């Protein structure tokens, strides 16, 4: 079984008391990493979809689970492309000063040094990126290939 921890959804509940200062970003990732660890301990595959701007917090999250349980996937998108794709208008608000400490605008992002997988979204469609993730996880023994079950001939 799988569970998705999404940055937007978690900020509406568990982390609604946090803003976007560097200290709040660190605490945001710390809380989510602890929740993910509990879920992994219960046997779930946890997908954590977050902007995690600091290497130290990504390392902390990695060290919470057993070797091989943490897979860092870097969704590599240039800032200009992210701004052009921004359906929520958050980058425009950050550029106008309405949102402070916004990653890539007035808050730094430390690129991963050795992610298990890096996806260049200027060259891959969302479907192609998803296929690369599935292939990586399958090859790493984290997913079992999907084999559709069909009824045998003559089965009614």
C-alpha atoms as a PDB file:
ATOM      1  CA  UNK A   1       0.000   0.000   0.000  1.00  0.00           C
ATOM      2  CA  UNK A   2       1.094   3.555  -0.654  1.00  0.00           C
ATOM      3  CA  UNK A   3       0.388   6.965   0.817  1.00  0.00           C
ATOM      4  CA  UNK A   4       1.125  10.422  -0.566  1.00  0.00           C
ATOM      5  CA  UNK A   5       2.288  13.209   1.723  1.00  0.00           C
ATOM      6  CA  UNK A   6       1.878  16.381  -0.321  1.00  0.00           C
ATOM      7  CA  UNK A   7       3.347  19.716   0.751  1.00  0.00           C
ATOM      8  CA  UNK A   8       0.181  21.720   0.155  1.00  0.00           C
ATOM      9  CA  UNK A   9      -2.070  19.286   2.008  1.00  0.00           C
ATOM     10  CA  UNK A  10       0.257  18.911   4.995  1.00  0.00           C
ATOM     11  CA  UNK A  11       0.540  22.697   5.327  1.00  0.00           C
ATOM     12  CA  UNK A  12      -3.258  22.893   5.703  1.00  0.00           C
ATOM     13  CA  UNK A  13      -3.207  20.603   8.734  1.00  0.00           C
ATOM     14  CA  UNK A  14      -0.147  19.260  10.515  1.00  0.00           C
ATOM     15  CA  UNK A  15       2.031  22.224   9.572  1.00  0.00           C
ATOM     16  CA  UNK A  16      -0.510  25.041   9.369  1.00  0.00           C
ATOM     17  CA  UNK A  17       1.346  26.878  12.149  1.00  0.00           C
ATOM     18  CA  UNK A  18       4.487  27.168  10.003  1.00  0.00           C
ATOM     19  CA  UNK A  19       5.444  29.922   7.580  1.00  0.00           C
ATOM     20  CA  UNK A  20       8.255  29.990   5.062  1.00  0.00           C
ATOM     21  CA  UNK A  21      11.221  31.229   7.052  1.00  0.00           C
ATOM     22  CA  UNK A  22      14.304  29.033   6.904  1.00  0.00           C
ATOM     23  CA  UNK A  23      13.551  27.785  10.434  1.00  0.00           C
ATOM     24  CA  UNK A  24       9.941  26.982   9.501  1.00  0.00           C
ATOM     25  CA  UNK A  25      11.054  25.152   6.363  1.00  0.00           C
ATOM     26  CA  UNK A  26      13.426  23.033   8.441  1.00  0.00           C
ATOM     27  CA  UNK A  27      10.632  22.211  10.905  1.00  0.00           C
ATOM     28  CA  UNK A  28       8.218  21.471   8.054  1.00  0.00           C
ATOM     29  CA  UNK A  29      10.564  18.842   6.624  1.00  0.00           C
ATOM     30  CA  UNK A  30      11.424  17.450  10.074  1.00  0.00           C
ATOM     31  CA  UNK A  31       7.746  16.847  10.901  1.00  0.00           C
ATOM     32  CA  UNK A  32       6.978  15.298   7.543  1.00  0.00           C
ATOM     33  CA  UNK A  33      10.055  13.067   7.745  1.00  0.00           C
ATOM     34  CA  UNK A  34       8.949  11.811  11.158  1.00  0.00           C
ATOM     35  CA  UNK A  35       5.426  11.084   9.882  1.00  0.00           C
ATOM     36  CA  UNK A  36       6.853   9.327   6.813  1.00  0.00           C
ATOM     37  CA  UNK A  37       9.137   7.242   9.050  1.00  0.00           C
ATOM     38  CA  UNK A  38       6.156   6.073  11.117  1.00  0.00           C
ATOM     39  CA  UNK A  39       4.284   5.150   7.946  1.00  0.00           C
ATOM     40  CA  UNK A  40       7.288   3.293   6.510  1.00  0.00           C
ATOM     41  CA  UNK A  41       7.636   1.434   9.825  1.00  0.00           C
ATOM     42  CA  UNK A  42       4.027   0.275   9.401  1.00  0.00           C
ATOM     43  CA  UNK A  43       4.848  -1.162   5.971  1.00  0.00           C
ATOM     44  CA  UNK A  44       3.581   1.586   3.689  1.00  0.00           C
ATOM     45  CA  UNK A  45       5.381   2.949   0.658  1.00  0.00           C
ATOM     46  CA  UNK A  46       5.322   6.704   1.283  1.00  0.00           C
ATOM     47  CA  UNK A  47       5.596   9.236  -1.516  1.00  0.00           C
ATOM     48  CA  UNK A  48       6.696  12.588  -0.093  1.00  0.00           C
ATOM     49  CA  UNK A  49       6.106  15.419  -2.551  1.00  0.00           C
ATOM     50  CA  UNK A  50       7.762  18.493  -1.043  1.00  0.00           C
ATOM     51  CA  UNK A  51      10.063  21.315  -1.926  1.00  0.00           C
ATOM     52  CA  UNK A  52      12.888  20.499   0.423  1.00  0.00           C
ATOM     53  CA  UNK A  53      15.337  23.351  -0.087  1.00  0.00           C
ATOM     54  CA  UNK A  54      18.146  22.329   2.259  1.00  0.00           C
ATOM     55  CA  UNK A  55      20.516  19.369   1.841  1.00  0.00           C
ATOM     56  CA  UNK A  56      20.838  18.943   5.604  1.00  0.00           C
ATOM     57  CA  UNK A  57      17.098  18.286   6.007  1.00  0.00           C
ATOM     58  CA  UNK A  58      17.065  15.833   3.105  1.00  0.00           C
ATOM     59  CA  UNK A  59      19.950  14.000   4.771  1.00  0.00           C
ATOM     60  CA  UNK A  60      18.093  14.017   8.106  1.00  0.00           C
ATOM     61  CA  UNK A  61      15.029  12.479   6.429  1.00  0.00           C
ATOM     62  CA  UNK A  62      17.195   9.840   4.727  1.00  0.00           C
ATOM     63  CA  UNK A  63      18.814   8.880   8.036  1.00  0.00           C
ATOM     64  CA  UNK A  64      15.431   8.290   9.728  1.00  0.00           C
ATOM     65  CA  UNK A  65      14.755   5.144   7.706  1.00  0.00           C
ATOM     66  CA  UNK A  66      16.724   1.999   6.945  1.00  0.00           C
ATOM     67  CA  UNK A  67      19.356   1.945   4.217  1.00  0.00           C
ATOM     68  CA  UNK A  68      17.659   1.801   0.817  1.00  0.00           C
ATOM     69  CA  UNK A  69      14.253   2.967   2.091  1.00  0.00           C
ATOM     70  CA  UNK A  70      14.807   6.601   1.064  1.00  0.00           C
ATOM     71  CA  UNK A  71      14.876   7.441  -2.636  1.00  0.00           C
ATOM     72  CA  UNK A  72      15.624  11.038  -3.523  1.00  0.00           C
ATOM     73  CA  UNK A  73      14.074  12.028  -6.831  1.00  0.00           C
ATOM     74  CA  UNK A  74      15.116  15.453  -8.049  1.00  0.00           C
ATOM     75  CA  UNK A  75      12.445  16.990 -10.250  1.00  0.00           C
ATOM     76  CA  UNK A  76      14.762  19.364 -12.091  1.00  0.00           C
ATOM     77  CA  UNK A  77      12.856  22.387 -13.353  1.00  0.00           C
ATOM     78  CA  UNK A  78      14.515  25.738 -14.114  1.00  0.00           C
ATOM     79  CA  UNK A  79      13.002  28.663 -12.222  1.00  0.00           C
ATOM     80  CA  UNK A  80      11.660  30.323 -15.383  1.00  0.00           C
ATOM     81  CA  UNK A  81       9.872  27.110 -16.365  1.00  0.00           C
ATOM     82  CA  UNK A  82       8.426  26.663 -12.867  1.00  0.00           C
ATOM     83  CA  UNK A  83       7.118  30.240 -12.986  1.00  0.00           C
ATOM     84  CA  UNK A  84       5.556  29.694 -16.418  1.00  0.00           C
ATOM     85  CA  UNK A  85       3.812  26.529 -15.171  1.00  0.00           C
ATOM     86  CA  UNK A  86       2.577  28.062 -11.900  1.00  0.00           C
ATOM     87  CA  UNK A  87      -1.211  27.643 -12.012  1.00  0.00           C
ATOM     88  CA  UNK A  88      -1.604  28.960  -8.454  1.00  0.00           C
ATOM     89  CA  UNK A  89       0.169  32.242  -9.175  1.00  0.00           C
ATOM     90  CA  UNK A  90       2.510  31.828  -6.204  1.00  0.00           C
ATOM     91  CA  UNK A  91       5.631  32.936  -8.047  1.00  0.00           C
ATOM     92  CA  UNK A  92       3.894  36.131  -9.205  1.00  0.00           C
ATOM     93  CA  UNK A  93       2.838  36.834  -5.611  1.00  0.00           C
ATOM     94  CA  UNK A  94       6.404  36.226  -4.436  1.00  0.00           C
ATOM     95  CA  UNK A  95       7.773  38.553  -7.137  1.00  0.00           C
ATOM     96  CA  UNK A  96       5.339  41.256  -5.938  1.00  0.00           C
ATOM     97  CA  UNK A  97       6.518  40.735  -2.341  1.00  0.00           C
ATOM     98  CA  UNK A  98       3.196  39.251  -1.185  1.00  0.00           C
ATOM     99  CA  UNK A  99       4.883  35.976  -0.188  1.00  0.00           C
ATOM    100  CA  UNK A 100       8.174  36.219   1.658  1.00  0.00           C
ATOM    101  CA  UNK A 101      10.946  33.580   1.751  1.00  0.00           C
ATOM    102  CA  UNK A 102       9.728  31.860  -1.398  1.00  0.00           C
ATOM    103  CA  UNK A 103      12.085  29.180  -2.709  1.00  0.00           C
ATOM    104  CA  UNK A 104      13.955  30.366  -5.770  1.00  0.00           C
ATOM    105  CA  UNK A 105      12.851  33.990  -5.378  1.00  0.00           C
ATOM    106  CA  UNK A 106      14.121  35.261  -2.030  1.00  0.00           C
ATOM    107  CA  UNK A 107      15.060  31.964  -0.396  1.00  0.00           C
ATOM    108  CA  UNK A 108      17.840  29.672  -1.573  1.00  0.00           C
ATOM    109  CA  UNK A 109      17.476  26.150  -2.911  1.00  0.00           C
ATOM    110  CA  UNK A 110      20.385  23.743  -2.484  1.00  0.00           C
ATOM    111  CA  UNK A 111      20.356  21.322  -5.387  1.00  0.00           C
ATOM    112  CA  UNK A 112      20.797  17.644  -4.534  1.00  0.00           C
ATOM    113  CA  UNK A 113      24.341  16.396  -4.931  1.00  0.00           C
ATOM    114  CA  UNK A 114      23.597  12.707  -5.522  1.00  0.00           C
ATOM    115  CA  UNK A 115      19.884  12.001  -5.987  1.00  0.00           C
ATOM    116  CA  UNK A 116      19.006   8.439  -6.868  1.00  0.00           C
ATOM    117  CA  UNK A 117      17.074   9.791  -9.846  1.00  0.00           C
ATOM    118  CA  UNK A 118      17.058  13.169 -11.599  1.00  0.00           C
ATOM    119  CA  UNK A 119      14.227  14.127 -13.955  1.00  0.00           C
ATOM    120  CA  UNK A 120      14.648  17.049 -16.368  1.00  0.00           C
ATOM    121  CA  UNK A 121      11.081  18.276 -16.788  1.00  0.00           C
ATOM    122  CA  UNK A 122      12.035  20.398 -19.794  1.00  0.00           C
ATOM    123  CA  UNK A 123      12.727  17.173 -21.694  1.00  0.00           C
ATOM    124  CA  UNK A 124      10.225  14.739 -20.152  1.00  0.00           C
ATOM    125  CA  UNK A 125       6.448  14.758 -20.179  1.00  0.00           C
ATOM    126  CA  UNK A 126       4.783  13.973 -16.834  1.00  0.00           C
ATOM    127  CA  UNK A 127       3.990  10.493 -18.166  1.00  0.00           C
ATOM    128  CA  UNK A 128       7.619   9.891 -19.211  1.00  0.00           C
ATOM    129  CA  UNK A 129       8.850  11.100 -15.814  1.00  0.00           C
ATOM    130  CA  UNK A 130       6.420   8.741 -14.071  1.00  0.00           C
ATOM    131  CA  UNK A 131       7.641   5.846 -16.220  1.00  0.00           C
ATOM    132  CA  UNK A 132      11.255   6.607 -15.271  1.00  0.00           C
ATOM    133  CA  UNK A 133      10.310   6.565 -11.586  1.00  0.00           C
ATOM    134  CA  UNK A 134       8.457   3.271 -11.949  1.00  0.00           C
ATOM    135  CA  UNK A 135      11.385   1.754 -13.879  1.00  0.00           C
ATOM    136  CA  UNK A 136      13.872   2.927 -11.231  1.00  0.00           C
ATOM    137  CA  UNK A 137      11.800   1.538  -8.351  1.00  0.00           C
ATOM    138  CA  UNK A 138      11.180  -1.743 -10.198  1.00  0.00           C
ATOM    139  CA  UNK A 139      14.888  -2.180 -11.038  1.00  0.00           C
ATOM    140  CA  UNK A 140      15.790  -1.370  -7.424  1.00  0.00           C
ATOM    141  CA  UNK A 141      13.432  -4.102  -6.219  1.00  0.00           C
ATOM    142  CA  UNK A 142      11.072  -1.609  -4.554  1.00  0.00           C
ATOM    143  CA  UNK A 143       8.107  -2.352  -6.862  1.00  0.00           C
ATOM    144  CA  UNK A 144       6.831  -5.563  -8.365  1.00  0.00           C
ATOM    145  CA  UNK A 145       6.133  -5.212 -12.086  1.00  0.00           C
ATOM    146  CA  UNK A 146       2.416  -5.017 -12.828  1.00  0.00           C
ATOM    147  CA  UNK A 147       1.200  -8.076 -14.690  1.00  0.00           C
ATOM    148  CA  UNK A 148      -2.466  -7.914 -15.655  1.00  0.00           C
ATOM    149  CA  UNK A 149      -4.475 -10.944 -14.666  1.00  0.00           C
ATOM    150  CA  UNK A 150      -6.590 -12.370 -17.436  1.00  0.00           C
ATOM    151  CA  UNK A 151      -9.099 -15.137 -17.335  1.00  0.00           C
ATOM    152  CA  UNK A 152      -7.963 -18.412 -18.886  1.00  0.00           C
ATOM    153  CA  UNK A 153      -9.519 -19.312 -22.256  1.00  0.00           C
ATOM    154  CA  UNK A 154     -13.026 -20.687 -21.798  1.00  0.00           C
ATOM    155  CA  UNK A 155     -13.416 -19.251 -18.271  1.00  0.00           C
ATOM    156  CA  UNK A 156     -16.911 -17.891 -17.540  1.00  0.00           C
END
